[in-house]
Protein backbone atom coordinates (compact mmCIF):
# COMPACT_ATOMS: atom_id res chain seq x y z
CA UNK A 1 31.96 95.02 171.50
CA UNK A 2 31.24 92.15 169.14
CA UNK A 3 27.97 93.61 167.89
CA UNK A 4 27.23 94.67 164.35
CA UNK A 5 26.82 98.42 164.15
CA UNK A 6 25.82 100.82 161.41
CA UNK A 7 29.33 101.19 159.89
CA UNK A 8 29.80 97.44 159.60
CA UNK A 9 26.35 97.02 158.08
CA UNK A 10 27.02 99.73 155.48
CA UNK A 11 30.34 98.13 154.53
CA UNK A 12 28.67 94.73 154.25
CA UNK A 13 25.92 96.11 152.00
CA UNK A 14 28.48 97.86 149.78
CA UNK A 15 30.46 94.62 149.39
CA UNK A 16 27.27 92.75 148.45
CA UNK A 17 26.42 95.47 145.94
CA UNK A 18 29.88 95.21 144.39
CA UNK A 19 29.78 91.41 144.22
CA UNK A 20 26.33 91.01 142.71
CA UNK A 21 25.76 94.32 140.94
CA UNK A 22 22.69 96.50 141.08
CA UNK A 23 20.81 94.48 138.45
CA UNK A 24 21.08 91.12 140.18
CA UNK A 25 20.22 92.25 143.71
CA UNK A 26 16.42 92.44 143.10
CA UNK A 27 16.49 88.98 141.51
CA UNK A 28 18.49 87.65 144.46
CA UNK A 29 16.08 89.19 146.97
CA UNK A 30 13.09 87.78 145.07
CA UNK A 31 14.55 84.27 144.99
CA UNK A 32 15.37 84.44 148.71
CA UNK A 33 11.78 85.51 149.44
CA UNK A 34 10.37 82.66 147.35
CA UNK A 35 12.65 80.17 149.06
CA UNK A 36 11.51 81.41 152.46
CA UNK A 37 7.83 81.06 151.42
CA UNK A 38 8.42 77.49 150.18
CA UNK A 39 10.22 76.60 153.41
CA UNK A 40 7.40 77.96 155.58
CA UNK A 41 4.83 76.17 153.39
CA UNK A 42 6.72 72.88 153.79
CA UNK A 43 6.91 73.32 157.57
CA UNK A 44 3.17 74.03 157.76
CA UNK A 45 2.36 70.95 155.65
CA UNK A 46 4.61 68.77 157.77
CA UNK A 47 2.92 69.96 160.95
CA UNK A 48 -0.54 69.42 159.48
CA UNK A 49 0.07 65.77 158.53
CA UNK A 50 -0.90 63.35 161.30
CA UNK A 51 1.94 61.22 162.58
CA UNK A 52 1.22 57.49 162.53
CA UNK A 53 2.26 55.45 165.55
CA UNK A 54 5.12 53.03 164.88
CA UNK A 55 3.04 49.88 165.32
CA UNK A 56 0.22 50.88 162.95
CA UNK A 57 2.03 50.28 159.66
CA UNK A 58 1.64 46.73 158.43
CA UNK A 59 4.60 45.17 156.66
CA UNK A 60 4.20 41.94 154.76
CA UNK A 61 7.16 39.79 153.85
CA UNK A 62 7.55 36.16 152.94
CA UNK A 63 9.73 33.87 155.00
CA UNK A 64 12.15 33.55 152.09
CA UNK A 65 12.49 37.36 151.85
CA UNK A 66 13.07 37.59 155.59
CA UNK A 67 15.71 34.85 155.51
CA UNK A 68 17.49 36.54 152.60
CA UNK A 69 17.47 39.89 154.39
CA UNK A 70 18.86 38.38 157.58
CA UNK A 71 21.56 36.52 155.67
CA UNK A 72 22.59 39.74 153.90
CA UNK A 73 22.80 41.62 157.21
CA UNK A 74 24.91 38.86 158.74
CA UNK A 75 27.23 38.88 155.71
CA UNK A 76 27.61 42.67 155.97
CA UNK A 77 28.36 42.40 159.68
CA UNK A 78 31.06 39.80 158.96
CA UNK A 79 32.60 41.99 156.26
CA UNK A 80 32.59 45.08 158.48
CA UNK A 81 33.87 43.29 161.59
CA UNK A 82 36.28 40.50 160.65
CA UNK A 83 37.01 38.02 163.46
CA UNK A 84 40.02 38.94 165.55
CA UNK A 85 42.85 36.43 165.82
């Protein structure tokens, strides 16, 4: 109960065949295979890249840039959370 058996699978495949047609199914299968290859390739590349510790990246900013950024964040906080009366 609740499993997919042979009759359900056959009905599903027939519906897919009717929706896409016999000419588009090979193209659809090919594009799905290529997408799967690209996904696996991306996962392998992501695992191969070394992860830098958080403190290693050096960020340089002038005092004026820092003050402007802090002022903008404070202004956004005031706009998002108006003082209650």
